[in-house]
């Protein structure tokens, strides 16, 4: 089962009436890869900046986490670690949420083997990182579409 499908399935208990996940991807606070690939101090600094920005926005992060968007909210879920081949990695709990009216922007940039996602929520900016195959652009596009129809 693809990670986005796992997120959709695992998020169901946390959805409001009539709400469904439009797009989602697995992420970690920016800097996680650096801290695990040998540049620990720089990676930990970047993770701290990401967490501080998210905390200031009142939007909790987890690691690993799923970032999901519905027609009403931006959500973050804590997830179990994936052990490979689609095993593990299920949604554990809802840790952060923001009504889409309080989400200012979602920007996706490619970076080497992955993506950096910059979010601005309630006037505060923070970054996440995701793998190359993550549907980060799907989340950004769903956000753009809901803004256009609102």
N, C-alpha and C. Protein backbone atom coordinates (compact mmCIF):
# COMPACT_ATOMS: atom_id res chain seq x y z
N UNK A 1 0.85 -1.18 0.00
CA UNK A 1 0.00 0.00 0.00
C UNK A 1 0.89 1.24 0.00
N UNK A 2 0.61 2.19 -0.87
CA UNK A 2 1.38 3.43 -0.95
C UNK A 2 1.21 4.24 0.33
N UNK A 3 2.24 5.03 0.65
CA UNK A 3 2.18 5.80 1.91
C UNK A 3 1.01 6.78 1.93
N UNK A 4 0.68 7.39 0.78
CA UNK A 4 -0.46 8.32 0.76
C UNK A 4 -1.76 7.58 1.06
N UNK A 5 -1.91 6.38 0.55
CA UNK A 5 -3.11 5.59 0.85
C UNK A 5 -3.16 5.20 2.32
N UNK A 6 -2.00 4.87 2.90
CA UNK A 6 -1.94 4.56 4.34
C UNK A 6 -2.34 5.77 5.17
N UNK A 7 -1.89 6.93 4.75
CA UNK A 7 -2.23 8.16 5.48
C UNK A 7 -3.74 8.40 5.40
N UNK A 8 -4.31 8.29 4.21
CA UNK A 8 -5.76 8.49 4.05
C UNK A 8 -6.53 7.54 4.96
N UNK A 9 -6.14 6.29 4.95
CA UNK A 9 -6.82 5.28 5.76
C UNK A 9 -6.66 5.57 7.25
N UNK A 10 -5.43 5.86 7.67
CA UNK A 10 -5.16 6.11 9.09
C UNK A 10 -5.75 7.40 9.61
N UNK A 11 -6.00 8.35 8.71
CA UNK A 11 -6.54 9.66 9.12
C UNK A 11 -8.05 9.63 9.34
N UNK A 12 -8.72 8.63 8.84
CA UNK A 12 -10.19 8.60 8.92
C UNK A 12 -10.76 8.87 10.30
N UNK A 13 -10.22 8.28 11.36
CA UNK A 13 -10.80 8.54 12.70
C UNK A 13 -10.68 9.99 13.15
N UNK A 14 -9.82 10.77 12.49
CA UNK A 14 -9.58 12.15 12.90
C UNK A 14 -10.31 13.16 12.02
N UNK A 15 -11.07 12.68 11.04
CA UNK A 15 -11.78 13.56 10.12
C UNK A 15 -13.09 14.04 10.73
N UNK A 16 -13.47 15.26 10.37
CA UNK A 16 -14.76 15.79 10.75
C UNK A 16 -15.80 15.29 9.75
N UNK A 17 -17.07 15.44 10.06
CA UNK A 17 -18.13 14.98 9.17
C UNK A 17 -17.96 15.57 7.78
N UNK A 18 -17.95 14.72 6.76
CA UNK A 18 -17.84 15.15 5.39
C UNK A 18 -16.44 15.53 4.93
N UNK A 19 -15.47 15.37 5.78
CA UNK A 19 -14.09 15.76 5.46
C UNK A 19 -13.31 14.55 4.96
N UNK A 20 -12.43 14.77 3.98
CA UNK A 20 -11.57 13.70 3.49
C UNK A 20 -10.21 14.26 3.11
N UNK A 21 -9.20 13.43 3.18
CA UNK A 21 -7.85 13.84 2.81
C UNK A 21 -7.79 13.99 1.29
N UNK A 22 -7.39 15.17 0.82
CA UNK A 22 -7.23 15.43 -0.61
C UNK A 22 -5.86 15.00 -1.10
N UNK A 23 -4.83 15.23 -0.30
CA UNK A 23 -3.46 14.85 -0.64
C UNK A 23 -2.66 14.79 0.65
N UNK A 24 -1.58 13.99 0.63
CA UNK A 24 -0.76 13.84 1.83
C UNK A 24 0.61 13.29 1.46
N UNK A 25 1.56 13.48 2.35
CA UNK A 25 2.89 12.89 2.15
C UNK A 25 3.59 12.74 3.49
N UNK A 26 4.61 11.90 3.51
CA UNK A 26 5.42 11.66 4.71
C UNK A 26 6.56 12.66 4.71
N UNK A 27 6.82 13.26 5.87
CA UNK A 27 7.86 14.28 5.98
C UNK A 27 8.52 14.22 7.35
N UNK A 28 9.54 15.04 7.49
CA UNK A 28 10.21 15.27 8.77
C UNK A 28 10.59 16.75 8.82
N UNK A 29 10.83 17.28 10.01
CA UNK A 29 11.30 18.67 10.09
C UNK A 29 12.60 18.83 9.29
N UNK A 30 12.73 19.95 8.61
CA UNK A 30 13.92 20.23 7.79
C UNK A 30 15.17 20.08 8.64
N UNK A 31 16.18 19.38 8.09
CA UNK A 31 17.44 19.16 8.78
C UNK A 31 17.63 17.73 9.26
N UNK A 32 16.57 16.93 9.26
CA UNK A 32 16.66 15.56 9.75
C UNK A 32 17.68 14.76 8.96
N UNK A 33 17.62 14.87 7.64
CA UNK A 33 18.55 14.10 6.80
C UNK A 33 19.98 14.52 7.06
N UNK A 34 20.23 15.82 7.17
CA UNK A 34 21.59 16.29 7.44
C UNK A 34 22.11 15.77 8.76
N UNK A 35 21.27 15.79 9.77
CA UNK A 35 21.74 15.34 11.08
C UNK A 35 22.05 13.85 11.10
N UNK A 36 21.43 13.09 10.20
CA UNK A 36 21.69 11.66 10.13
C UNK A 36 22.71 11.28 9.07
N UNK A 37 23.14 12.26 8.27
CA UNK A 37 24.10 11.98 7.20
C UNK A 37 25.48 12.57 7.51
N UNK A 38 25.71 12.94 8.75
CA UNK A 38 27.04 13.37 9.13
C UNK A 38 27.20 14.83 9.49
N UNK A 39 26.23 15.66 9.18
CA UNK A 39 26.33 17.08 9.52
C UNK A 39 25.36 17.35 10.67
N UNK A 40 25.61 16.70 11.80
CA UNK A 40 24.68 16.71 12.91
C UNK A 40 24.36 18.11 13.42
N UNK A 41 25.36 18.95 13.61
CA UNK A 41 25.12 20.26 14.20
C UNK A 41 24.25 21.14 13.30
N UNK A 42 24.56 21.16 12.00
CA UNK A 42 23.76 21.94 11.07
C UNK A 42 22.34 21.38 10.99
N UNK A 43 22.22 20.07 10.91
CA UNK A 43 20.91 19.43 10.85
C UNK A 43 20.07 19.70 12.08
N UNK A 44 20.67 19.61 13.25
CA UNK A 44 19.93 19.87 14.49
C UNK A 44 19.51 21.33 14.57
N UNK A 45 20.37 22.23 14.08
CA UNK A 45 20.02 23.66 14.06
C UNK A 45 18.81 23.90 13.16
N UNK A 46 18.82 23.30 11.97
CA UNK A 46 17.70 23.47 11.05
C UNK A 46 16.42 22.86 11.62
N UNK A 47 16.53 21.68 12.26
CA UNK A 47 15.35 21.08 12.87
C UNK A 47 14.79 21.99 13.96
N UNK A 48 15.68 22.58 14.74
CA UNK A 48 15.24 23.50 15.79
C UNK A 48 14.50 24.70 15.23
N UNK A 49 15.02 25.27 14.12
CA UNK A 49 14.34 26.40 13.48
C UNK A 49 12.97 26.00 12.98
N UNK A 50 12.87 24.80 12.39
CA UNK A 50 11.58 24.32 11.89
C UNK A 50 10.59 24.15 13.04
N UNK A 51 11.04 23.51 14.10
CA UNK A 51 10.15 23.28 15.24
C UNK A 51 9.75 24.59 15.91
N UNK A 52 10.69 25.54 16.02
CA UNK A 52 10.37 26.83 16.62
C UNK A 52 9.31 27.56 15.81
N UNK A 53 9.46 27.56 14.48
CA UNK A 53 8.48 28.21 13.62
C UNK A 53 7.11 27.57 13.73
N UNK A 54 7.09 26.24 13.73
CA UNK A 54 5.81 25.52 13.85
C UNK A 54 5.18 25.79 15.21
N UNK A 55 5.99 25.77 16.27
CA UNK A 55 5.47 26.05 17.61
C UNK A 55 4.88 27.46 17.68
N UNK A 56 5.57 28.44 17.09
CA UNK A 56 5.08 29.81 17.09
C UNK A 56 3.75 29.91 16.35
N UNK A 57 3.56 29.03 15.34
CA UNK A 57 2.30 29.02 14.58
C UNK A 57 1.22 28.20 15.27
N UNK A 58 1.58 27.52 16.36
CA UNK A 58 0.61 26.66 17.04
C UNK A 58 0.29 25.41 16.22
N UNK A 59 1.28 24.92 15.46
CA UNK A 59 1.10 23.77 14.59
C UNK A 59 2.19 22.75 14.92
N UNK A 60 1.83 21.69 15.63
CA UNK A 60 2.81 20.72 16.10
C UNK A 60 3.31 19.83 14.97
N UNK A 61 4.60 19.48 15.06
CA UNK A 61 5.24 18.57 14.13
C UNK A 61 5.62 17.29 14.85
N UNK A 62 5.82 16.23 14.08
CA UNK A 62 6.32 14.96 14.61
C UNK A 62 7.41 14.50 13.65
N UNK A 63 8.13 13.45 14.03
CA UNK A 63 9.16 12.90 13.15
C UNK A 63 9.24 11.40 13.37
N UNK A 64 8.84 10.62 12.39
CA UNK A 64 8.26 10.99 11.11
C UNK A 64 6.82 11.47 11.27
N UNK A 65 6.36 12.17 10.26
CA UNK A 65 5.01 12.71 10.30
C UNK A 65 4.37 12.63 8.93
N UNK A 66 3.07 12.80 8.90
CA UNK A 66 2.35 12.95 7.64
C UNK A 66 1.78 14.35 7.64
N UNK A 67 1.90 15.03 6.51
CA UNK A 67 1.25 16.31 6.32
C UNK A 67 0.11 16.05 5.35
N UNK A 68 -1.09 16.39 5.76
CA UNK A 68 -2.28 16.11 4.94
C UNK A 68 -3.12 17.37 4.82
N UNK A 69 -3.83 17.46 3.71
CA UNK A 69 -4.73 18.59 3.50
C UNK A 69 -6.11 18.06 3.17
N UNK A 70 -7.12 18.70 3.76
CA UNK A 70 -8.51 18.41 3.45
C UNK A 70 -9.10 19.69 2.86
N UNK A 71 -10.36 19.69 2.57
CA UNK A 71 -11.01 20.90 2.08
C UNK A 71 -11.15 21.97 3.14
N UNK A 72 -10.91 21.60 4.42
CA UNK A 72 -11.08 22.54 5.52
C UNK A 72 -9.81 22.81 6.33
N UNK A 73 -8.90 21.81 6.41
CA UNK A 73 -7.78 21.93 7.35
C UNK A 73 -6.47 21.41 6.77
N UNK A 74 -5.36 21.91 7.33
CA UNK A 74 -4.04 21.35 7.14
C UNK A 74 -3.75 20.57 8.41
N UNK A 75 -3.31 19.33 8.27
CA UNK A 75 -3.15 18.43 9.42
C UNK A 75 -1.74 17.83 9.46
N UNK A 76 -1.25 17.60 10.66
CA UNK A 76 -0.01 16.82 10.82
C UNK A 76 -0.33 15.65 11.75
N UNK A 77 0.18 14.49 11.36
CA UNK A 77 -0.03 13.26 12.12
C UNK A 77 1.32 12.65 12.47
N UNK A 78 1.44 12.12 13.68
CA UNK A 78 2.63 11.33 13.98
C UNK A 78 2.46 9.98 13.29
N UNK A 79 3.58 9.40 12.90
CA UNK A 79 3.55 8.12 12.18
C UNK A 79 4.58 7.18 12.77
N UNK A 80 4.32 5.90 12.59
CA UNK A 80 5.30 4.89 12.95
C UNK A 80 6.40 4.89 11.90
N UNK A 81 7.58 4.47 12.27
CA UNK A 81 8.69 4.41 11.32
C UNK A 81 8.45 3.31 10.29
N UNK A 82 8.80 3.61 9.05
CA UNK A 82 8.70 2.60 8.00
C UNK A 82 9.95 1.74 8.05
N UNK A 83 9.75 0.44 7.91
CA UNK A 83 10.89 -0.47 7.91
C UNK A 83 11.22 -0.97 6.52
N UNK A 84 10.52 -0.47 5.53
CA UNK A 84 10.80 -0.83 4.15
C UNK A 84 9.73 -1.69 3.53
N UNK A 85 9.67 -1.66 2.21
CA UNK A 85 8.74 -2.47 1.43
C UNK A 85 7.29 -2.24 1.86
N UNK A 86 6.96 -1.03 2.30
CA UNK A 86 5.59 -0.71 2.66
C UNK A 86 5.17 -1.18 4.04
N UNK A 87 6.09 -1.74 4.80
CA UNK A 87 5.78 -2.25 6.13
C UNK A 87 5.93 -1.12 7.15
N UNK A 88 4.97 -1.00 8.05
CA UNK A 88 5.01 0.04 9.09
C UNK A 88 4.56 1.38 8.52
N UNK A 89 4.82 2.43 9.27
CA UNK A 89 4.54 3.76 8.79
C UNK A 89 3.10 4.20 8.87
N UNK A 90 2.30 3.59 9.71
CA UNK A 90 0.90 3.99 9.83
C UNK A 90 0.71 5.22 10.68
N UNK A 91 -0.43 5.88 10.49
CA UNK A 91 -0.79 7.06 11.28
C UNK A 91 -1.03 6.64 12.73
N UNK A 92 -0.45 7.39 13.65
CA UNK A 92 -0.64 7.12 15.08
C UNK A 92 -1.66 8.07 15.69
N UNK A 93 -1.40 9.39 15.54
CA UNK A 93 -2.32 10.36 16.13
C UNK A 93 -2.21 11.71 15.42
N UNK A 94 -3.27 12.50 15.56
CA UNK A 94 -3.29 13.87 15.06
C UNK A 94 -2.50 14.72 16.05
N UNK A 95 -1.48 15.44 15.56
CA UNK A 95 -0.68 16.27 16.46
C UNK A 95 -0.83 17.76 16.19
N UNK A 96 -1.20 18.13 14.96
CA UNK A 96 -1.34 19.54 14.64
C UNK A 96 -2.42 19.77 13.60
N UNK A 97 -3.07 20.92 13.70
CA UNK A 97 -4.10 21.25 12.71
C UNK A 97 -4.24 22.76 12.62
N UNK A 98 -4.61 23.21 11.42
CA UNK A 98 -4.88 24.62 11.19
C UNK A 98 -5.98 24.73 10.14
N UNK A 99 -7.00 25.54 10.38
CA UNK A 99 -7.99 25.79 9.33
C UNK A 99 -7.27 26.38 8.12
N UNK A 100 -7.72 26.04 6.91
CA UNK A 100 -7.05 26.55 5.72
C UNK A 100 -7.04 28.06 5.65
N UNK A 101 -8.01 28.71 6.26
CA UNK A 101 -8.03 30.17 6.29
C UNK A 101 -6.82 30.74 7.03
N UNK A 102 -6.18 29.93 7.89
CA UNK A 102 -5.02 30.38 8.66
C UNK A 102 -3.70 29.90 8.05
N UNK A 103 -3.78 29.24 6.90
CA UNK A 103 -2.58 28.81 6.17
C UNK A 103 -2.32 29.84 5.08
N UNK A 104 -1.16 30.48 5.15
CA UNK A 104 -0.84 31.56 4.22
C UNK A 104 -0.24 31.04 2.92
N UNK A 105 0.62 30.02 3.01
CA UNK A 105 1.24 29.49 1.79
C UNK A 105 1.84 28.11 2.03
N UNK A 106 1.97 27.37 0.94
CA UNK A 106 2.67 26.09 0.91
C UNK A 106 3.51 26.09 -0.36
N UNK A 107 4.83 26.07 -0.20
CA UNK A 107 5.74 26.11 -1.34
C UNK A 107 6.62 24.87 -1.34
N UNK A 108 6.83 24.30 -2.52
CA UNK A 108 7.62 23.08 -2.66
C UNK A 108 8.81 23.37 -3.56
N UNK A 109 10.01 22.97 -3.10
CA UNK A 109 11.23 23.12 -3.89
C UNK A 109 11.97 21.78 -3.92
N UNK A 110 12.54 21.47 -5.06
CA UNK A 110 13.37 20.26 -5.16
C UNK A 110 14.72 20.54 -4.53
N UNK A 111 15.27 19.53 -3.90
CA UNK A 111 16.59 19.65 -3.30
C UNK A 111 17.28 18.30 -3.38
N UNK A 112 18.29 18.20 -4.20
CA UNK A 112 19.05 16.96 -4.38
C UNK A 112 18.12 15.77 -4.58
N UNK A 113 18.05 14.89 -3.61
CA UNK A 113 17.26 13.67 -3.73
C UNK A 113 15.88 13.79 -3.10
N UNK A 114 15.46 14.97 -2.75
CA UNK A 114 14.17 15.12 -2.08
C UNK A 114 13.53 16.46 -2.36
N UNK A 115 12.70 16.87 -1.42
CA UNK A 115 11.96 18.12 -1.55
C UNK A 115 11.98 18.86 -0.21
N UNK A 116 11.97 20.17 -0.30
CA UNK A 116 11.81 21.02 0.87
C UNK A 116 10.45 21.69 0.73
N UNK A 117 9.66 21.62 1.78
CA UNK A 117 8.33 22.21 1.78
C UNK A 117 8.33 23.33 2.81
N UNK A 118 8.09 24.55 2.33
CA UNK A 118 8.03 25.72 3.21
C UNK A 118 6.57 26.06 3.44
N UNK A 119 6.19 26.08 4.69
CA UNK A 119 4.81 26.40 5.06
C UNK A 119 4.78 27.70 5.83
N UNK A 120 3.76 28.48 5.57
CA UNK A 120 3.50 29.66 6.38
C UNK A 120 2.10 29.51 6.95
N UNK A 121 2.05 29.38 8.27
CA UNK A 121 0.80 29.17 8.99
C UNK A 121 0.71 30.24 10.07
N UNK A 122 -0.42 30.94 10.08
CA UNK A 122 -0.65 31.99 11.08
C UNK A 122 0.51 33.00 11.14
N UNK A 123 1.07 33.31 9.96
CA UNK A 123 2.14 34.29 9.86
C UNK A 123 3.52 33.79 10.20
N UNK A 124 3.66 32.53 10.57
CA UNK A 124 4.96 31.94 10.94
C UNK A 124 5.40 30.95 9.87
N UNK A 125 6.70 30.94 9.56
CA UNK A 125 7.23 30.08 8.52
C UNK A 125 8.05 28.95 9.13
N UNK A 126 7.91 27.76 8.56
CA UNK A 126 8.73 26.61 8.95
C UNK A 126 8.85 25.68 7.76
N UNK A 127 9.88 24.80 7.81
CA UNK A 127 10.17 23.93 6.68
C UNK A 127 10.15 22.46 7.08
N UNK A 128 9.74 21.66 6.10
CA UNK A 128 9.77 20.21 6.21
C UNK A 128 10.61 19.66 5.07
N UNK A 129 11.06 18.43 5.20
CA UNK A 129 11.73 17.75 4.10
C UNK A 129 11.00 16.45 3.82
N UNK A 130 11.02 16.07 2.55
CA UNK A 130 10.32 14.86 2.12
C UNK A 130 11.15 14.18 1.04
N UNK A 131 10.90 12.91 0.85
CA UNK A 131 11.60 12.15 -0.18
C UNK A 131 11.18 12.58 -1.58
N UNK A 132 11.96 12.16 -2.56
CA UNK A 132 11.71 12.55 -3.95
C UNK A 132 10.34 12.11 -4.44
N UNK A 133 9.83 10.98 -3.98
CA UNK A 133 8.54 10.48 -4.45
C UNK A 133 7.34 11.00 -3.68
N UNK A 134 7.56 11.85 -2.69
CA UNK A 134 6.46 12.36 -1.87
C UNK A 134 5.55 13.27 -2.68
N UNK A 135 4.26 13.23 -2.38
CA UNK A 135 3.27 14.03 -3.10
C UNK A 135 3.14 15.44 -2.51
N UNK A 136 4.28 16.08 -2.29
CA UNK A 136 4.26 17.44 -1.74
C UNK A 136 3.58 18.42 -2.69
N UNK A 137 3.82 18.26 -3.97
CA UNK A 137 3.17 19.16 -4.95
C UNK A 137 1.67 18.94 -4.95
N UNK A 138 1.22 17.72 -4.70
CA UNK A 138 -0.22 17.46 -4.61
C UNK A 138 -0.86 18.22 -3.46
N UNK A 139 -0.16 18.30 -2.33
CA UNK A 139 -0.67 19.06 -1.18
C UNK A 139 -0.71 20.55 -1.53
N UNK A 140 0.38 21.05 -2.13
CA UNK A 140 0.42 22.47 -2.50
C UNK A 140 -0.67 22.79 -3.53
N UNK A 141 -0.89 21.91 -4.48
CA UNK A 141 -1.92 22.13 -5.50
C UNK A 141 -3.31 22.08 -4.89
N UNK A 142 -3.57 21.13 -3.99
CA UNK A 142 -4.88 21.06 -3.33
C UNK A 142 -5.12 22.34 -2.52
N UNK A 143 -4.07 22.86 -1.87
CA UNK A 143 -4.19 24.12 -1.14
C UNK A 143 -4.56 25.26 -2.09
N UNK A 144 -3.86 25.34 -3.21
CA UNK A 144 -4.13 26.40 -4.19
C UNK A 144 -5.56 26.31 -4.71
N UNK A 145 -6.02 25.11 -5.00
CA UNK A 145 -7.38 24.93 -5.52
C UNK A 145 -8.45 25.30 -4.48
N UNK A 146 -8.22 24.92 -3.23
CA UNK A 146 -9.22 25.27 -2.21
C UNK A 146 -9.25 26.78 -1.99
N UNK A 147 -8.11 27.45 -2.14
CA UNK A 147 -8.07 28.91 -2.02
C UNK A 147 -8.84 29.57 -3.16
N UNK A 148 -8.73 29.00 -4.36
CA UNK A 148 -9.42 29.59 -5.51
C UNK A 148 -10.94 29.44 -5.39
N UNK A 149 -11.40 28.34 -4.82
CA UNK A 149 -12.84 28.11 -4.73
C UNK A 149 -13.46 28.77 -3.51
N UNK A 150 -12.63 29.20 -2.56
CA UNK A 150 -13.15 29.82 -1.33
C UNK A 150 -13.61 31.24 -1.57
